[in-house]
């Protein structure tokens, strides 16, 4: 079973997560999957607002930090706050990458790369399925 974070108000077992998430969200957030590029909800989404963790509802990324990286997934220069995500080495699929997980729910979000725009040069490449959008209005 995939490790879960047991916190008040968050799903604590696999059955609860399967009820809360769509099969695609479960595959991505719990089983560390990846959605198809250019075939996801937020890759070209430009409305002002905040992107939150689909499990916990905690704000993760701001539309102000979103940019078009032309990779087919939502890309951000930084999280809303450094303490809302966890970064860890990922050696899966014969690659060396840095995985990004939501701190509160321990959900797989995507990966972070060092090919983003100035001044930070960072690109958080995030699966749309791991996010919900809250419009600014």
N, C-alpha and C. Protein backbone atom coordinates (compact mmCIF):
# COMPACT_ATOMS: atom_id res chain seq x y z
N UNK A 1 0.84 -1.18 0.00
CA UNK A 1 0.00 0.00 0.00
C UNK A 1 0.89 1.24 0.00
N UNK A 2 0.49 2.27 -0.72
CA UNK A 2 1.21 3.53 -0.76
C UNK A 2 1.10 4.22 0.59
N UNK A 3 2.22 4.83 1.02
CA UNK A 3 2.24 5.54 2.31
C UNK A 3 1.24 6.69 2.30
N UNK A 4 0.47 6.82 3.34
CA UNK A 4 -0.49 7.91 3.48
C UNK A 4 -0.11 8.77 4.67
N UNK A 5 -0.45 10.02 4.64
CA UNK A 5 -0.28 10.89 5.78
C UNK A 5 -1.59 10.88 6.54
N UNK A 6 -1.54 10.55 7.81
CA UNK A 6 -2.75 10.49 8.62
C UNK A 6 -2.89 11.79 9.39
N UNK A 7 -3.74 12.67 8.91
CA UNK A 7 -3.99 13.95 9.57
C UNK A 7 -5.48 14.16 9.68
N UNK A 8 -5.87 14.90 10.65
CA UNK A 8 -7.27 15.19 10.88
C UNK A 8 -7.90 15.80 9.62
N UNK A 9 -9.00 15.24 9.17
CA UNK A 9 -9.70 15.77 8.01
C UNK A 9 -9.21 15.26 6.68
N UNK A 10 -8.12 14.49 6.66
CA UNK A 10 -7.60 13.95 5.41
C UNK A 10 -7.90 12.46 5.33
N UNK A 11 -8.11 11.94 4.13
CA UNK A 11 -8.35 10.50 3.99
C UNK A 11 -7.19 9.71 4.60
N UNK A 12 -7.52 8.67 5.33
CA UNK A 12 -6.49 7.92 6.03
C UNK A 12 -6.27 6.52 5.46
N UNK A 13 -7.08 6.11 4.50
CA UNK A 13 -6.85 4.79 3.92
C UNK A 13 -7.21 4.79 2.44
N UNK A 14 -6.86 3.71 1.81
CA UNK A 14 -7.04 3.57 0.37
C UNK A 14 -8.50 3.67 -0.06
N UNK A 15 -9.39 3.07 0.70
CA UNK A 15 -10.82 3.10 0.35
C UNK A 15 -11.35 4.53 0.35
N UNK A 16 -10.96 5.32 1.35
CA UNK A 16 -11.40 6.72 1.40
C UNK A 16 -10.86 7.51 0.22
N UNK A 17 -9.59 7.28 -0.11
CA UNK A 17 -8.99 7.99 -1.25
C UNK A 17 -9.69 7.61 -2.55
N UNK A 18 -10.03 6.35 -2.71
CA UNK A 18 -10.71 5.91 -3.93
C UNK A 18 -12.11 6.52 -4.04
N UNK A 19 -12.75 6.79 -2.91
CA UNK A 19 -14.05 7.46 -2.93
C UNK A 19 -13.90 8.95 -3.27
N UNK A 20 -12.85 9.57 -2.77
CA UNK A 20 -12.63 11.00 -2.96
C UNK A 20 -12.15 11.34 -4.37
N UNK A 21 -11.29 10.51 -4.94
CA UNK A 21 -10.62 10.81 -6.20
C UNK A 21 -11.22 10.06 -7.37
N UNK A 22 -11.07 10.64 -8.56
CA UNK A 22 -11.41 9.90 -9.78
C UNK A 22 -10.34 8.83 -9.97
N UNK A 23 -10.60 7.82 -10.80
CA UNK A 23 -9.56 6.82 -11.06
C UNK A 23 -8.27 7.45 -11.60
N UNK A 24 -8.38 8.46 -12.44
CA UNK A 24 -7.19 9.14 -12.98
C UNK A 24 -6.44 9.87 -11.88
N UNK A 25 -7.15 10.58 -11.01
CA UNK A 25 -6.49 11.26 -9.89
C UNK A 25 -5.80 10.25 -8.98
N UNK A 26 -6.45 9.15 -8.71
CA UNK A 26 -5.86 8.12 -7.85
C UNK A 26 -4.57 7.57 -8.48
N UNK A 27 -4.63 7.29 -9.78
CA UNK A 27 -3.46 6.76 -10.48
C UNK A 27 -2.28 7.73 -10.39
N UNK A 28 -2.56 9.01 -10.50
CA UNK A 28 -1.51 10.02 -10.49
C UNK A 28 -1.06 10.35 -9.07
N UNK A 29 -1.99 10.67 -8.20
CA UNK A 29 -1.64 11.17 -6.87
C UNK A 29 -1.18 10.09 -5.90
N UNK A 30 -1.73 8.89 -6.01
CA UNK A 30 -1.40 7.82 -5.08
C UNK A 30 -0.38 6.85 -5.68
N UNK A 31 -0.55 6.53 -6.96
CA UNK A 31 0.33 5.56 -7.61
C UNK A 31 1.47 6.22 -8.39
N UNK A 32 1.64 7.52 -8.22
CA UNK A 32 2.76 8.28 -8.83
C UNK A 32 2.73 8.26 -10.35
N UNK A 33 1.56 8.34 -10.93
CA UNK A 33 1.43 8.34 -12.38
C UNK A 33 1.64 9.72 -12.99
N UNK A 34 1.50 9.76 -14.31
CA UNK A 34 1.61 11.01 -15.06
C UNK A 34 0.49 11.03 -16.09
N UNK A 35 -0.15 12.20 -16.22
CA UNK A 35 -1.20 12.33 -17.22
C UNK A 35 -0.60 12.68 -18.57
N UNK A 36 -1.40 12.59 -19.60
CA UNK A 36 -0.95 12.89 -20.96
C UNK A 36 -0.70 14.39 -21.12
N UNK A 37 0.39 14.75 -21.80
CA UNK A 37 0.62 16.17 -22.06
C UNK A 37 -0.43 16.71 -23.03
N UNK A 38 -0.76 17.97 -22.87
CA UNK A 38 -1.72 18.69 -23.72
C UNK A 38 -3.14 18.10 -23.67
N UNK A 39 -3.38 17.13 -22.80
CA UNK A 39 -4.71 16.53 -22.65
C UNK A 39 -5.11 16.53 -21.18
N UNK A 40 -4.95 17.68 -20.56
CA UNK A 40 -5.27 17.80 -19.15
C UNK A 40 -5.88 19.19 -18.90
N UNK A 41 -6.52 19.35 -17.80
CA UNK A 41 -7.34 20.53 -17.52
C UNK A 41 -6.61 21.87 -17.49
N UNK A 42 -5.39 21.90 -17.00
CA UNK A 42 -4.78 23.19 -16.70
C UNK A 42 -3.53 23.53 -17.51
N UNK A 43 -3.15 22.74 -18.50
CA UNK A 43 -1.89 23.03 -19.21
C UNK A 43 -1.91 24.40 -19.86
N UNK A 44 -3.06 24.83 -20.38
CA UNK A 44 -3.14 26.15 -21.02
C UNK A 44 -4.16 27.06 -20.33
N UNK A 45 -4.43 26.80 -19.09
CA UNK A 45 -5.39 27.56 -18.28
C UNK A 45 -4.75 28.88 -17.86
N UNK A 46 -5.45 30.00 -18.06
CA UNK A 46 -4.86 31.31 -17.76
C UNK A 46 -5.67 32.17 -16.79
N UNK A 47 -6.76 31.65 -16.27
CA UNK A 47 -7.59 32.43 -15.35
C UNK A 47 -6.84 32.71 -14.05
N UNK A 48 -6.97 33.94 -13.50
CA UNK A 48 -6.32 34.25 -12.22
C UNK A 48 -6.94 33.46 -11.07
N UNK A 49 -6.09 32.98 -10.19
CA UNK A 49 -6.56 32.25 -9.02
C UNK A 49 -5.47 31.41 -8.40
N UNK A 50 -5.90 30.42 -7.63
CA UNK A 50 -4.99 29.56 -6.88
C UNK A 50 -5.28 28.10 -7.21
N UNK A 51 -4.22 27.33 -7.36
CA UNK A 51 -4.32 25.89 -7.58
C UNK A 51 -4.07 25.19 -6.25
N UNK A 52 -5.03 24.35 -5.84
CA UNK A 52 -4.96 23.70 -4.53
C UNK A 52 -4.81 22.19 -4.69
N UNK A 53 -4.34 21.55 -3.64
CA UNK A 53 -4.20 20.09 -3.58
C UNK A 53 -5.60 19.48 -3.69
N UNK A 54 -5.79 18.55 -4.62
CA UNK A 54 -7.10 17.92 -4.83
C UNK A 54 -7.55 17.08 -3.65
N UNK A 55 -6.63 16.71 -2.77
CA UNK A 55 -7.00 15.92 -1.59
C UNK A 55 -7.26 16.82 -0.38
N UNK A 56 -6.29 17.65 -0.04
CA UNK A 56 -6.40 18.44 1.19
C UNK A 56 -7.05 19.81 0.99
N UNK A 57 -7.05 20.32 -0.23
CA UNK A 57 -7.56 21.66 -0.49
C UNK A 57 -6.57 22.76 -0.14
N UNK A 58 -5.37 22.40 0.29
CA UNK A 58 -4.36 23.38 0.68
C UNK A 58 -3.81 24.07 -0.57
N UNK A 59 -3.70 25.41 -0.55
CA UNK A 59 -3.13 26.14 -1.69
C UNK A 59 -1.69 25.71 -1.97
N UNK A 60 -1.41 25.43 -3.25
CA UNK A 60 -0.08 24.98 -3.64
C UNK A 60 0.62 25.95 -4.60
N UNK A 61 -0.10 26.44 -5.60
CA UNK A 61 0.50 27.29 -6.63
C UNK A 61 -0.45 28.44 -6.98
N UNK A 62 0.14 29.58 -7.33
CA UNK A 62 -0.62 30.74 -7.74
C UNK A 62 -0.56 30.89 -9.26
N UNK A 63 -1.65 31.38 -9.83
CA UNK A 63 -1.65 31.64 -11.28
C UNK A 63 -0.63 32.70 -11.65
N UNK A 64 -0.25 33.54 -10.69
CA UNK A 64 0.77 34.56 -10.95
C UNK A 64 2.14 33.96 -11.23
N UNK A 65 2.36 32.72 -10.77
CA UNK A 65 3.64 32.04 -10.98
C UNK A 65 3.56 30.98 -12.08
N UNK A 66 2.43 30.92 -12.78
CA UNK A 66 2.23 29.95 -13.86
C UNK A 66 2.77 30.53 -15.16
N UNK A 67 3.39 29.69 -15.98
CA UNK A 67 3.89 30.14 -17.27
C UNK A 67 3.75 29.02 -18.29
N UNK A 68 3.80 29.39 -19.56
CA UNK A 68 3.68 28.41 -20.64
C UNK A 68 5.07 27.88 -20.97
N UNK A 69 5.35 26.67 -20.54
CA UNK A 69 6.64 26.05 -20.79
C UNK A 69 6.62 25.23 -22.08
N UNK A 70 5.44 25.16 -22.71
CA UNK A 70 5.25 24.40 -23.95
C UNK A 70 5.52 22.90 -23.77
N UNK A 71 5.37 22.41 -22.53
CA UNK A 71 5.60 20.99 -22.27
C UNK A 71 4.30 20.19 -22.21
N UNK A 72 3.13 20.90 -22.13
CA UNK A 72 1.85 20.21 -22.10
C UNK A 72 1.29 19.96 -20.73
N UNK A 73 1.99 20.39 -19.68
CA UNK A 73 1.51 20.29 -18.31
C UNK A 73 1.55 21.68 -17.69
N UNK A 74 0.75 21.93 -16.66
CA UNK A 74 0.86 23.22 -15.97
C UNK A 74 2.26 23.38 -15.39
N UNK A 75 2.85 24.55 -15.60
CA UNK A 75 4.19 24.83 -15.12
C UNK A 75 4.19 26.09 -14.27
N UNK A 76 4.91 26.03 -13.17
CA UNK A 76 4.98 27.14 -12.22
C UNK A 76 6.44 27.41 -11.87
N UNK A 77 6.75 28.68 -11.56
CA UNK A 77 8.12 29.03 -11.19
C UNK A 77 8.41 28.70 -9.73
N UNK A 78 7.34 28.59 -8.92
CA UNK A 78 7.53 28.29 -7.49
C UNK A 78 6.19 27.93 -6.87
N UNK A 79 6.23 27.23 -5.74
CA UNK A 79 4.99 26.98 -5.00
C UNK A 79 4.57 28.26 -4.27
N UNK A 80 3.35 28.28 -3.80
CA UNK A 80 2.83 29.43 -3.05
C UNK A 80 3.71 29.72 -1.84
N UNK A 81 4.23 28.68 -1.21
CA UNK A 81 5.13 28.77 -0.07
C UNK A 81 6.04 27.54 -0.12
N UNK A 82 7.30 27.67 0.23
CA UNK A 82 8.19 26.51 0.17
C UNK A 82 7.76 25.35 1.07
N UNK A 83 7.00 25.65 2.12
CA UNK A 83 6.64 24.59 3.06
C UNK A 83 5.37 23.82 2.70
N UNK A 84 4.79 24.05 1.52
CA UNK A 84 3.59 23.30 1.13
C UNK A 84 3.92 22.09 0.26
N UNK A 85 5.16 21.99 -0.20
CA UNK A 85 5.58 20.85 -1.01
C UNK A 85 6.82 20.19 -0.41
N UNK A 86 7.01 18.94 -0.79
CA UNK A 86 8.20 18.18 -0.43
C UNK A 86 8.87 17.79 -1.74
N UNK A 87 10.17 17.96 -1.81
CA UNK A 87 10.93 17.55 -2.99
C UNK A 87 11.82 16.39 -2.59
N UNK A 88 11.82 15.35 -3.43
CA UNK A 88 12.65 14.19 -3.12
C UNK A 88 13.19 13.57 -4.40
N UNK A 89 14.35 12.94 -4.32
CA UNK A 89 14.94 12.31 -5.51
C UNK A 89 14.03 11.23 -6.08
N UNK A 90 13.99 11.14 -7.39
CA UNK A 90 13.19 10.15 -8.10
C UNK A 90 14.07 9.51 -9.17
N UNK A 91 14.35 8.23 -9.02
CA UNK A 91 15.21 7.51 -9.96
C UNK A 91 14.41 6.53 -10.82
N UNK A 92 13.09 6.72 -10.88
CA UNK A 92 12.24 5.80 -11.64
C UNK A 92 12.42 6.01 -13.15
N UNK A 93 12.04 5.01 -13.90
CA UNK A 93 12.03 5.05 -15.36
C UNK A 93 13.40 5.35 -15.96
N UNK A 94 14.46 4.98 -15.25
CA UNK A 94 15.82 5.18 -15.75
C UNK A 94 16.26 6.63 -15.83
N UNK A 95 15.59 7.50 -15.08
CA UNK A 95 15.92 8.93 -15.09
C UNK A 95 16.30 9.38 -13.69
N UNK A 96 16.95 10.53 -13.63
CA UNK A 96 17.24 11.18 -12.36
C UNK A 96 16.45 12.49 -12.36
N UNK A 97 15.45 12.55 -11.47
CA UNK A 97 14.59 13.73 -11.40
C UNK A 97 14.33 14.06 -9.94
N UNK A 98 13.65 15.18 -9.73
CA UNK A 98 13.21 15.55 -8.39
C UNK A 98 11.69 15.55 -8.38
N UNK A 99 11.12 14.65 -7.59
CA UNK A 99 9.67 14.54 -7.47
C UNK A 99 9.16 15.64 -6.54
N UNK A 100 7.94 16.11 -6.82
CA UNK A 100 7.26 17.09 -5.97
C UNK A 100 6.01 16.42 -5.41
N UNK A 101 5.87 16.47 -4.07
CA UNK A 101 4.70 15.92 -3.39
C UNK A 101 4.07 17.01 -2.53
N UNK A 102 2.76 16.94 -2.35
CA UNK A 102 2.07 17.87 -1.45
C UNK A 102 2.39 17.48 -0.01
N UNK A 103 2.82 18.44 0.77
CA UNK A 103 3.24 18.14 2.14
C UNK A 103 2.09 17.59 2.99
N UNK A 104 0.91 18.20 2.93
CA UNK A 104 -0.18 17.78 3.81
C UNK A 104 -0.76 16.42 3.45
N UNK A 105 -0.94 16.14 2.17
CA UNK A 105 -1.60 14.88 1.76
C UNK A 105 -0.62 13.81 1.32
N UNK A 106 0.64 14.17 1.11
CA UNK A 106 1.67 13.27 0.59
C UNK A 106 1.35 12.80 -0.83
N UNK A 107 0.54 13.55 -1.56
CA UNK A 107 0.16 13.19 -2.92
C UNK A 107 1.27 13.55 -3.92
N UNK A 108 1.46 12.68 -4.89
CA UNK A 108 2.38 12.97 -5.99
C UNK A 108 1.78 14.09 -6.84
N UNK A 109 2.57 15.15 -7.07
CA UNK A 109 2.12 16.27 -7.88
C UNK A 109 2.78 16.27 -9.25
N UNK A 110 4.06 15.99 -9.31
CA UNK A 110 4.82 16.05 -10.55
C UNK A 110 6.30 16.10 -10.25
N UNK A 111 7.03 16.92 -11.01
CA UNK A 111 8.48 17.03 -10.85
C UNK A 111 8.92 18.47 -10.99
N UNK A 112 10.11 18.76 -10.48
CA UNK A 112 10.69 20.09 -10.61
C UNK A 112 11.99 19.97 -11.41
N UNK A 113 12.19 20.92 -12.33
CA UNK A 113 13.35 20.91 -13.22
C UNK A 113 14.06 22.26 -13.16
N UNK A 114 15.29 22.30 -13.61
CA UNK A 114 16.06 23.54 -13.58
C UNK A 114 16.10 24.23 -14.95
N UNK A 115 15.01 24.14 -15.70
CA UNK A 115 14.96 24.76 -17.03
C UNK A 115 13.84 25.80 -17.14
N UNK A 116 13.51 26.44 -16.02
CA UNK A 116 12.45 27.44 -16.00
C UNK A 116 12.97 28.83 -16.37
N UNK A 117 12.08 29.80 -16.39
CA UNK A 117 12.45 31.17 -16.77
C UNK A 117 13.24 31.89 -15.67
N UNK A 118 13.94 32.95 -16.03
CA UNK A 118 14.63 33.77 -15.02
C UNK A 118 13.59 34.43 -14.12
N UNK A 119 13.89 34.82 -12.93
CA UNK A 119 15.23 34.82 -12.36
C UNK A 119 15.60 33.51 -11.65
N UNK A 120 14.62 32.67 -11.32
CA UNK A 120 14.90 31.45 -10.55
C UNK A 120 15.38 30.28 -11.42
N UNK A 121 14.93 30.22 -12.67
CA UNK A 121 15.31 29.12 -13.55
C UNK A 121 14.71 27.79 -13.15
N UNK A 122 13.58 27.82 -12.44
CA UNK A 122 12.93 26.59 -11.95
C UNK A 122 11.60 26.40 -12.66
N UNK A 123 11.28 25.13 -12.95
CA UNK A 123 9.98 24.78 -13.54
C UNK A 123 9.36 23.64 -12.75
N UNK A 124 8.28 23.95 -12.05
CA UNK A 124 7.49 22.92 -11.38
C UNK A 124 6.49 22.41 -12.41
N UNK A 125 6.68 21.20 -12.87
CA UNK A 125 5.84 20.57 -13.89
C UNK A 125 4.84 19.68 -13.14
N UNK A 126 3.58 20.11 -13.12
CA UNK A 126 2.59 19.52 -12.22
C UNK A 126 1.44 18.90 -13.01
N UNK A 127 0.98 17.75 -12.56
CA UNK A 127 -0.18 17.09 -13.16
C UNK A 127 -1.46 17.84 -12.80
N UNK A 128 -2.26 18.18 -13.80
CA UNK A 128 -3.55 18.85 -13.55
C UNK A 128 -4.44 18.03 -12.63
N UNK A 129 -4.40 16.72 -12.76
CA UNK A 129 -5.27 15.85 -11.97
C UNK A 129 -5.01 15.95 -10.48
N UNK A 130 -3.84 16.44 -10.09
CA UNK A 130 -3.53 16.56 -8.67
C UNK A 130 -3.99 17.91 -8.10
N UNK A 131 -4.56 18.74 -8.97
CA UNK A 131 -4.95 20.09 -8.57
C UNK A 131 -6.45 20.34 -8.73
N UNK A 132 -6.94 21.28 -7.95
CA UNK A 132 -8.25 21.90 -8.17
C UNK A 132 -7.97 23.39 -8.26
N UNK A 133 -8.78 24.08 -9.03
CA UNK A 133 -8.56 25.51 -9.23
C UNK A 133 -9.61 26.33 -8.49
N UNK A 134 -9.13 27.36 -7.78
CA UNK A 134 -10.03 28.29 -7.09
C UNK A 134 -9.85 29.65 -7.76
N UNK A 135 -10.87 30.13 -8.50
CA UNK A 135 -10.73 31.42 -9.19
C UNK A 135 -10.58 32.58 -8.21
N UNK A 136 -9.87 33.60 -8.65
CA UNK A 136 -9.65 34.78 -7.82
C UNK A 136 -10.96 35.49 -7.49
N UNK A 137 -11.86 35.54 -8.49
CA UNK A 137 -13.14 36.22 -8.26
C UNK A 137 -13.95 35.47 -7.26
